[in-house]
Amino acid sequence: MKMDRKGMIGLPVRLAITFLILALTVPLLMGAVDDYRSGAEASALRVQAGIVSETAEKTYYAGEGGAFTAEVLIGHDNRMVIGGEGADAYTIRMFCGDDSIGRLVMDRPAVRIAGDGISISGERTLLFECVNDGRGCAVEVSVIA
């Protein structure tokens, strides 16, 4: 292979252009991966909220004295708040870290969660019981494991 002046100058320029392209694209790719991870966590949390909602609905339809359990798995640094005061008694709120990623409203039927609400994270077994708390039927949620 013949090495001339043009080849000696061209190689460093090619390397500089290659590193420039890498420097521009790597942050974009890292951002895309982070967005994908956040979206996957939010999607998994919505699935778990659906399990809670379906079990609460089933318990409500069973009537006073009805009880069911559900297994939920909420990922690291995520949490779910079931019920609460006022209008929040009909919701399941989802959080990734400190950021709220949404809420699921149990309005068909209007299932009310008794008590002040419960915050859960990690792998838990929940007990759902239909009770009459003086204001009508409501679902009481507690952690059993």
N, C-alpha and C. Protein backbone atom coordinates (compact mmCIF):
# COMPACT_ATOMS: atom_id res chain seq x y z
N MET A 1 0.84 -1.16 0.00
CA MET A 1 0.00 0.00 0.00
C MET A 1 0.89 1.23 0.00
N LYS A 2 0.54 2.14 -0.81
CA LYS A 2 1.33 3.34 -0.98
C LYS A 2 0.79 4.43 -0.05
N MET A 3 1.64 5.03 0.73
CA MET A 3 1.25 6.08 1.66
C MET A 3 1.72 7.41 1.10
N ASP A 4 0.78 8.26 0.79
CA ASP A 4 1.15 9.57 0.30
C ASP A 4 0.63 10.64 1.24
N ARG A 5 0.84 11.85 0.89
CA ARG A 5 0.46 12.97 1.73
C ARG A 5 -1.04 13.05 1.92
N LYS A 6 -1.79 12.74 0.89
CA LYS A 6 -3.25 12.79 0.94
C LYS A 6 -3.79 11.78 1.95
N GLY A 7 -3.23 10.59 2.01
CA GLY A 7 -3.65 9.56 2.95
C GLY A 7 -3.33 9.92 4.38
N MET A 8 -2.21 10.57 4.59
CA MET A 8 -1.81 10.95 5.95
C MET A 8 -2.70 12.05 6.51
N ILE A 9 -3.20 12.92 5.70
CA ILE A 9 -4.08 13.98 6.15
C ILE A 9 -5.53 13.46 6.25
N GLY A 10 -5.92 12.58 5.36
CA GLY A 10 -7.30 12.08 5.30
C GLY A 10 -7.70 11.23 6.50
N LEU A 11 -6.79 10.43 7.04
CA LEU A 11 -7.11 9.55 8.15
C LEU A 11 -7.52 10.32 9.41
N PRO A 12 -6.78 11.32 9.85
CA PRO A 12 -7.23 12.07 11.03
C PRO A 12 -8.57 12.79 10.81
N VAL A 13 -8.80 13.26 9.62
CA VAL A 13 -10.08 13.92 9.32
C VAL A 13 -11.21 12.91 9.40
N ARG A 14 -11.00 11.72 8.85
CA ARG A 14 -12.02 10.67 8.93
C ARG A 14 -12.31 10.29 10.38
N LEU A 15 -11.25 10.14 11.19
CA LEU A 15 -11.43 9.82 12.60
C LEU A 15 -12.19 10.94 13.33
N ALA A 16 -11.86 12.17 13.04
CA ALA A 16 -12.54 13.30 13.67
C ALA A 16 -14.02 13.32 13.31
N ILE A 17 -14.35 13.07 12.08
CA ILE A 17 -15.75 13.04 11.64
C ILE A 17 -16.49 11.88 12.30
N THR A 18 -15.84 10.73 12.41
CA THR A 18 -16.45 9.56 13.06
C THR A 18 -16.76 9.87 14.52
N PHE A 19 -15.81 10.46 15.24
CA PHE A 19 -16.04 10.78 16.65
C PHE A 19 -17.09 11.88 16.81
N LEU A 20 -17.16 12.80 15.88
CA LEU A 20 -18.18 13.84 15.91
C LEU A 20 -19.58 13.24 15.74
N ILE A 21 -19.71 12.31 14.82
CA ILE A 21 -21.00 11.64 14.61
C ILE A 21 -21.39 10.85 15.86
N LEU A 22 -20.44 10.14 16.45
CA LEU A 22 -20.72 9.39 17.69
C LEU A 22 -21.12 10.33 18.83
N ALA A 23 -20.42 11.45 18.94
CA ALA A 23 -20.72 12.41 20.01
C ALA A 23 -22.12 12.99 19.86
N LEU A 24 -22.60 13.12 18.66
CA LEU A 24 -23.94 13.66 18.43
C LEU A 24 -25.04 12.62 18.59
N THR A 25 -24.78 11.37 18.23
CA THR A 25 -25.84 10.36 18.24
C THR A 25 -25.98 9.62 19.56
N VAL A 26 -24.91 9.43 20.32
CA VAL A 26 -24.98 8.67 21.56
C VAL A 26 -25.95 9.31 22.56
N PRO A 27 -25.92 10.63 22.81
CA PRO A 27 -26.90 11.20 23.74
C PRO A 27 -28.35 11.01 23.27
N LEU A 28 -28.57 11.10 21.97
CA LEU A 28 -29.92 10.88 21.45
C LEU A 28 -30.38 9.45 21.70
N LEU A 29 -29.50 8.50 21.48
CA LEU A 29 -29.85 7.10 21.72
C LEU A 29 -30.09 6.83 23.19
N MET A 30 -29.29 7.43 24.07
CA MET A 30 -29.48 7.25 25.51
C MET A 30 -30.83 7.83 25.95
N GLY A 31 -31.20 8.97 25.41
CA GLY A 31 -32.50 9.56 25.71
C GLY A 31 -33.64 8.68 25.25
N ALA A 32 -33.50 8.09 24.08
CA ALA A 32 -34.54 7.20 23.56
C ALA A 32 -34.67 5.96 24.42
N VAL A 33 -33.57 5.41 24.88
CA VAL A 33 -33.60 4.23 25.75
C VAL A 33 -34.26 4.57 27.08
N ASP A 34 -33.96 5.74 27.63
CA ASP A 34 -34.56 6.17 28.89
C ASP A 34 -36.07 6.36 28.74
N ASP A 35 -36.49 6.97 27.62
CA ASP A 35 -37.92 7.15 27.36
C ASP A 35 -38.62 5.80 27.22
N TYR A 36 -37.99 4.86 26.55
CA TYR A 36 -38.56 3.52 26.39
C TYR A 36 -38.72 2.84 27.75
N ARG A 37 -37.70 2.95 28.59
CA ARG A 37 -37.75 2.34 29.92
C ARG A 37 -38.88 2.95 30.75
N SER A 38 -39.00 4.27 30.72
CA SER A 38 -40.06 4.94 31.47
C SER A 38 -41.44 4.52 30.95
N GLY A 39 -41.57 4.41 29.65
CA GLY A 39 -42.84 3.98 29.06
C GLY A 39 -43.18 2.55 29.44
N ALA A 40 -42.18 1.69 29.49
CA ALA A 40 -42.41 0.29 29.87
C ALA A 40 -42.83 0.19 31.33
N GLU A 41 -42.20 0.98 32.21
CA GLU A 41 -42.59 0.98 33.62
C GLU A 41 -44.01 1.49 33.80
N ALA A 42 -44.36 2.55 33.09
CA ALA A 42 -45.71 3.11 33.18
C ALA A 42 -46.74 2.11 32.68
N SER A 43 -46.43 1.41 31.61
CA SER A 43 -47.33 0.41 31.07
C SER A 43 -47.54 -0.74 32.05
N ALA A 44 -46.46 -1.19 32.67
CA ALA A 44 -46.57 -2.27 33.66
C ALA A 44 -47.40 -1.83 34.86
N LEU A 45 -47.25 -0.58 35.26
CA LEU A 45 -48.02 -0.05 36.39
C LEU A 45 -49.50 0.03 36.04
N ARG A 46 -49.81 0.39 34.80
CA ARG A 46 -51.22 0.44 34.36
C ARG A 46 -51.85 -0.95 34.34
N VAL A 47 -51.07 -1.95 33.99
CA VAL A 47 -51.58 -3.33 34.01
C VAL A 47 -51.93 -3.73 35.44
N GLN A 48 -51.05 -3.40 36.40
CA GLN A 48 -51.31 -3.74 37.80
C GLN A 48 -52.53 -2.97 38.33
N ALA A 49 -52.70 -1.71 37.91
CA ALA A 49 -53.88 -0.93 38.30
C ALA A 49 -55.15 -1.57 37.74
N GLY A 50 -55.06 -2.14 36.55
CA GLY A 50 -56.20 -2.84 35.96
C GLY A 50 -56.58 -4.07 36.78
N ILE A 51 -55.59 -4.79 37.28
CA ILE A 51 -55.85 -5.97 38.12
C ILE A 51 -56.57 -5.53 39.39
N VAL A 52 -56.10 -4.45 40.00
CA VAL A 52 -56.73 -3.94 41.23
C VAL A 52 -58.17 -3.51 40.93
N SER A 53 -58.37 -2.80 39.84
CA SER A 53 -59.71 -2.32 39.48
C SER A 53 -60.67 -3.48 39.23
N GLU A 54 -60.23 -4.48 38.48
CA GLU A 54 -61.09 -5.63 38.19
C GLU A 54 -61.45 -6.40 39.46
N THR A 55 -60.50 -6.55 40.36
CA THR A 55 -60.77 -7.26 41.61
C THR A 55 -61.72 -6.45 42.49
N ALA A 56 -61.55 -5.13 42.54
CA ALA A 56 -62.45 -4.28 43.31
C ALA A 56 -63.87 -4.35 42.74
N GLU A 57 -63.98 -4.35 41.43
CA GLU A 57 -65.30 -4.44 40.78
C GLU A 57 -65.96 -5.79 41.08
N LYS A 58 -65.21 -6.86 41.00
CA LYS A 58 -65.73 -8.20 41.30
C LYS A 58 -66.20 -8.27 42.75
N THR A 59 -65.43 -7.68 43.65
CA THR A 59 -65.79 -7.68 45.07
C THR A 59 -67.06 -6.86 45.30
N TYR A 60 -67.17 -5.73 44.63
CA TYR A 60 -68.36 -4.88 44.76
C TYR A 60 -69.60 -5.61 44.28
N TYR A 61 -69.51 -6.30 43.17
CA TYR A 61 -70.64 -7.05 42.63
C TYR A 61 -71.01 -8.24 43.52
N ALA A 62 -70.06 -8.77 44.29
CA ALA A 62 -70.36 -9.89 45.19
C ALA A 62 -71.26 -9.46 46.35
N GLY A 63 -71.27 -8.17 46.64
CA GLY A 63 -72.14 -7.66 47.71
C GLY A 63 -71.45 -7.72 49.06
N GLU A 64 -72.17 -7.20 50.05
CA GLU A 64 -71.63 -7.13 51.40
C GLU A 64 -71.20 -8.51 51.89
N GLY A 65 -69.97 -8.57 52.38
CA GLY A 65 -69.41 -9.84 52.86
C GLY A 65 -68.54 -10.53 51.83
N GLY A 66 -68.61 -10.12 50.57
CA GLY A 66 -67.79 -10.72 49.52
C GLY A 66 -66.32 -10.36 49.72
N ALA A 67 -65.44 -11.30 49.44
CA ALA A 67 -64.00 -11.05 49.61
C ALA A 67 -63.21 -11.77 48.52
N PHE A 68 -62.20 -11.10 48.01
CA PHE A 68 -61.30 -11.66 47.00
C PHE A 68 -59.88 -11.19 47.29
N THR A 69 -58.91 -11.89 46.73
CA THR A 69 -57.52 -11.47 46.85
C THR A 69 -56.95 -11.24 45.45
N ALA A 70 -55.89 -10.45 45.41
CA ALA A 70 -55.18 -10.20 44.15
C ALA A 70 -53.70 -10.05 44.44
N GLU A 71 -52.90 -10.60 43.55
CA GLU A 71 -51.44 -10.46 43.63
C GLU A 71 -51.03 -9.31 42.71
N VAL A 72 -50.26 -8.35 43.24
CA VAL A 72 -49.75 -7.26 42.41
C VAL A 72 -48.24 -7.17 42.57
N LEU A 73 -47.59 -6.75 41.51
CA LEU A 73 -46.14 -6.57 41.50
C LEU A 73 -45.86 -5.20 40.92
N ILE A 74 -45.43 -4.30 41.79
CA ILE A 74 -45.16 -2.93 41.38
C ILE A 74 -43.65 -2.73 41.43
N GLY A 75 -43.10 -2.32 40.30
CA GLY A 75 -41.65 -2.21 40.15
C GLY A 75 -40.98 -1.23 41.09
N HIS A 76 -39.67 -1.29 41.08
CA HIS A 76 -38.81 -0.46 41.94
C HIS A 76 -39.10 1.03 41.73
N ASP A 77 -39.22 1.77 42.80
CA ASP A 77 -39.41 3.22 42.80
C ASP A 77 -40.78 3.63 42.24
N ASN A 78 -41.70 2.69 42.11
CA ASN A 78 -43.06 2.99 41.67
C ASN A 78 -44.02 2.71 42.81
N ARG A 79 -45.18 3.33 42.77
CA ARG A 79 -46.19 3.05 43.78
C ARG A 79 -47.57 3.32 43.21
N MET A 80 -48.56 2.76 43.90
CA MET A 80 -49.95 2.91 43.52
C MET A 80 -50.73 3.29 44.77
N VAL A 81 -51.58 4.30 44.66
CA VAL A 81 -52.41 4.73 45.78
C VAL A 81 -53.84 4.38 45.42
N ILE A 82 -54.44 3.49 46.23
CA ILE A 82 -55.80 3.01 45.98
C ILE A 82 -56.73 3.73 46.93
N GLY A 83 -57.71 4.46 46.36
CA GLY A 83 -58.69 5.18 47.17
C GLY A 83 -58.14 6.47 47.71
N GLY A 84 -58.89 7.04 48.67
CA GLY A 84 -58.51 8.31 49.27
C GLY A 84 -59.75 9.03 49.76
N GLU A 85 -59.63 10.32 49.93
CA GLU A 85 -60.74 11.15 50.42
C GLU A 85 -61.50 11.76 49.25
N GLY A 86 -62.79 11.97 49.42
CA GLY A 86 -63.60 12.64 48.40
C GLY A 86 -63.65 11.86 47.10
N ALA A 87 -63.38 12.57 46.01
CA ALA A 87 -63.43 11.95 44.68
C ALA A 87 -62.32 10.92 44.50
N ASP A 88 -61.23 11.05 45.26
CA ASP A 88 -60.14 10.08 45.15
C ASP A 88 -60.54 8.70 45.65
N ALA A 89 -61.67 8.59 46.37
CA ALA A 89 -62.13 7.29 46.86
C ALA A 89 -62.51 6.37 45.70
N TYR A 90 -62.69 6.92 44.51
CA TYR A 90 -63.08 6.14 43.33
C TYR A 90 -61.92 5.97 42.35
N THR A 91 -60.70 6.26 42.79
CA THR A 91 -59.56 6.24 41.87
C THR A 91 -58.43 5.35 42.34
N ILE A 92 -57.59 4.99 41.38
CA ILE A 92 -56.30 4.35 41.62
C ILE A 92 -55.28 5.27 40.97
N ARG A 93 -54.41 5.87 41.77
CA ARG A 93 -53.40 6.80 41.27
C ARG A 93 -52.06 6.09 41.15
N MET A 94 -51.34 6.36 40.06
CA MET A 94 -50.08 5.68 39.77
C MET A 94 -48.94 6.69 39.74
N PHE A 95 -47.81 6.31 40.39
CA PHE A 95 -46.66 7.19 40.48
C PHE A 95 -45.39 6.43 40.12
N CYS A 96 -44.56 7.05 39.28
CA CYS A 96 -43.20 6.58 39.00
C CYS A 96 -42.29 7.56 39.70
N GLY A 97 -41.67 7.13 40.78
CA GLY A 97 -40.91 8.06 41.61
C GLY A 97 -41.88 9.03 42.25
N ASP A 98 -41.64 10.31 42.06
CA ASP A 98 -42.56 11.33 42.57
C ASP A 98 -43.49 11.86 41.49
N ASP A 99 -43.35 11.38 40.27
CA ASP A 99 -44.15 11.86 39.15
C ASP A 99 -45.43 11.04 39.00
N SER A 100 -46.56 11.74 38.94
CA SER A 100 -47.83 11.08 38.70
C SER A 100 -47.91 10.72 37.22
N ILE A 101 -48.19 9.45 36.93
CA ILE A 101 -48.28 9.04 35.52
C ILE A 101 -49.72 8.79 35.09
N GLY A 102 -50.65 8.97 36.01
CA GLY A 102 -52.05 8.81 35.64
C GLY A 102 -52.90 8.30 36.77
N ARG A 103 -54.16 8.21 36.46
CA ARG A 103 -55.12 7.68 37.42
C ARG A 103 -56.17 6.88 36.68
N LEU A 104 -56.65 5.86 37.34
CA LEU A 104 -57.70 5.02 36.79
C LEU A 104 -58.94 5.27 37.66
N VAL A 105 -60.01 5.74 37.05
CA VAL A 105 -61.24 6.04 37.77
C VAL A 105 -62.18 4.85 37.65
N MET A 106 -62.62 4.36 38.80
CA MET A 106 -63.55 3.22 38.81
C MET A 106 -64.97 3.78 38.83
N ASP A 107 -65.51 4.08 37.63
CA ASP A 107 -66.81 4.73 37.54
C ASP A 107 -67.90 3.88 36.90
N ARG A 108 -67.57 2.74 36.38
CA ARG A 108 -68.59 1.85 35.78
C ARG A 108 -68.36 0.44 36.23
N PRO A 109 -68.87 0.02 37.35
CA PRO A 109 -69.69 0.74 38.32
C PRO A 109 -68.83 1.66 39.18
N ALA A 110 -69.50 2.56 39.89
CA ALA A 110 -68.79 3.50 40.76
C ALA A 110 -68.40 2.77 42.04
N VAL A 111 -67.20 2.20 42.02
CA VAL A 111 -66.70 1.44 43.16
C VAL A 111 -65.96 2.40 44.09
N ARG A 112 -66.45 2.52 45.30
CA ARG A 112 -65.81 3.39 46.29
C ARG A 112 -64.92 2.56 47.18
N ILE A 113 -63.71 3.05 47.41
CA ILE A 113 -62.77 2.38 48.30
C ILE A 113 -62.95 2.98 49.69
N ALA A 114 -63.24 2.13 50.67
CA ALA A 114 -63.47 2.58 52.04
C ALA A 114 -62.15 3.00 52.68
N GLY A 115 -62.21 3.95 53.59
CA GLY A 115 -61.02 4.38 54.32
C GLY A 115 -60.34 5.56 53.66
N ASP A 116 -59.12 5.82 54.12
CA ASP A 116 -58.36 6.98 53.66
C ASP A 116 -57.49 6.69 52.44
N GLY A 117 -57.50 5.48 51.96
CA GLY A 117 -56.65 5.09 50.84
C GLY A 117 -55.43 4.33 51.34
N ILE A 118 -54.84 3.60 50.43
CA ILE A 118 -53.69 2.77 50.79
C ILE A 118 -52.64 2.91 49.70
N SER A 119 -51.40 3.10 50.09
CA SER A 119 -50.29 3.22 49.15
C SER A 119 -49.51 1.90 49.16
N ILE A 120 -49.31 1.34 47.98
CA ILE A 120 -48.60 0.06 47.90
C ILE A 120 -47.47 0.13 46.88
N SER A 121 -46.46 -0.68 47.12
CA SER A 121 -45.36 -0.86 46.18
C SER A 121 -44.74 -2.22 46.45
N GLY A 122 -44.00 -2.72 45.49
CA GLY A 122 -43.37 -4.03 45.63
C GLY A 122 -44.32 -5.15 45.29
N GLU A 123 -43.99 -6.36 45.75
CA GLU A 123 -44.82 -7.53 45.50
C GLU A 123 -45.74 -7.71 46.70
N ARG A 124 -47.05 -7.60 46.48
CA ARG A 124 -48.03 -7.63 47.57
C ARG A 124 -49.22 -8.50 47.21
N THR A 125 -49.83 -9.06 48.25
CA THR A 125 -51.11 -9.74 48.13
C THR A 125 -52.14 -8.85 48.82
N LEU A 126 -53.16 -8.46 48.08
CA LEU A 126 -54.18 -7.56 48.60
C LEU A 126 -55.47 -8.31 48.86
N LEU A 127 -56.14 -7.94 49.95
CA LEU A 127 -57.45 -8.50 50.28
C LEU A 127 -58.49 -7.42 50.04
N PHE A 128 -59.50 -7.76 49.24
CA PHE A 128 -60.60 -6.86 48.92
C PHE A 128 -61.85 -7.41 49.60
N GLU A 129 -62.52 -6.58 50.41
CA GLU A 129 -63.74 -7.00 51.11
C GLU A 129 -64.82 -5.96 50.86
N CYS A 130 -66.02 -6.41 50.54
CA CYS A 130 -67.15 -5.51 50.37
C CYS A 130 -67.79 -5.30 51.74
N VAL A 131 -67.86 -4.04 52.16
CA VAL A 131 -68.40 -3.70 53.48
C VAL A 131 -69.45 -2.61 53.34
N ASN A 132 -70.31 -2.51 54.35
CA ASN A 132 -71.27 -1.40 54.42
C ASN A 132 -70.74 -0.46 55.49
N ASP A 133 -70.27 0.69 55.08
CA ASP A 133 -69.66 1.63 56.02
C ASP A 133 -70.59 2.75 56.46
N GLY A 134 -71.90 2.54 56.32
CA GLY A 134 -72.87 3.56 56.70
C GLY A 134 -73.27 4.46 55.55
N ARG A 135 -72.45 4.53 54.53
CA ARG A 135 -72.78 5.33 53.34
C ARG A 135 -73.11 4.42 52.15
N GLY A 136 -73.28 3.15 52.39
CA GLY A 136 -73.55 2.19 51.34
C GLY A 136 -72.39 1.22 51.21
N CYS A 137 -72.47 0.41 50.18
CA CYS A 137 -71.41 -0.58 49.96
C CYS A 137 -70.15 0.08 49.46
N ALA A 138 -69.03 -0.38 50.00
CA ALA A 138 -67.72 0.09 49.57
C ALA A 138 -66.76 -1.09 49.65
N VAL A 139 -65.65 -0.98 48.99
CA VAL A 139 -64.63 -2.03 49.01
C VAL A 139 -63.50 -1.58 49.91
N GLU A 140 -63.17 -2.43 50.86
CA GLU A 140 -62.07 -2.16 51.77
C GLU A 140 -60.86 -2.96 51.28
N VAL A 141 -59.73 -2.29 51.13
CA VAL A 141 -58.51 -2.93 50.62
C VAL A 141 -57.47 -2.95 51.73
N SER A 142 -56.85 -4.12 51.92
CA SER A 142 -55.79 -4.25 52.91
C SER A 142 -54.70 -5.17 52.36
N VAL A 143 -53.48 -4.98 52.86
CA VAL A 143 -52.34 -5.80 52.46
C VAL A 143 -52.26 -6.98 53.42
N ILE A 144 -52.24 -8.21 52.87
CA ILE A 144 -52.14 -9.39 53.72
C ILE A 144 -50.77 -10.07 53.61
N ALA A 145 -50.01 -9.75 52.60
CA ALA A 145 -48.66 -10.31 52.46
C ALA A 145 -47.83 -9.45 51.54
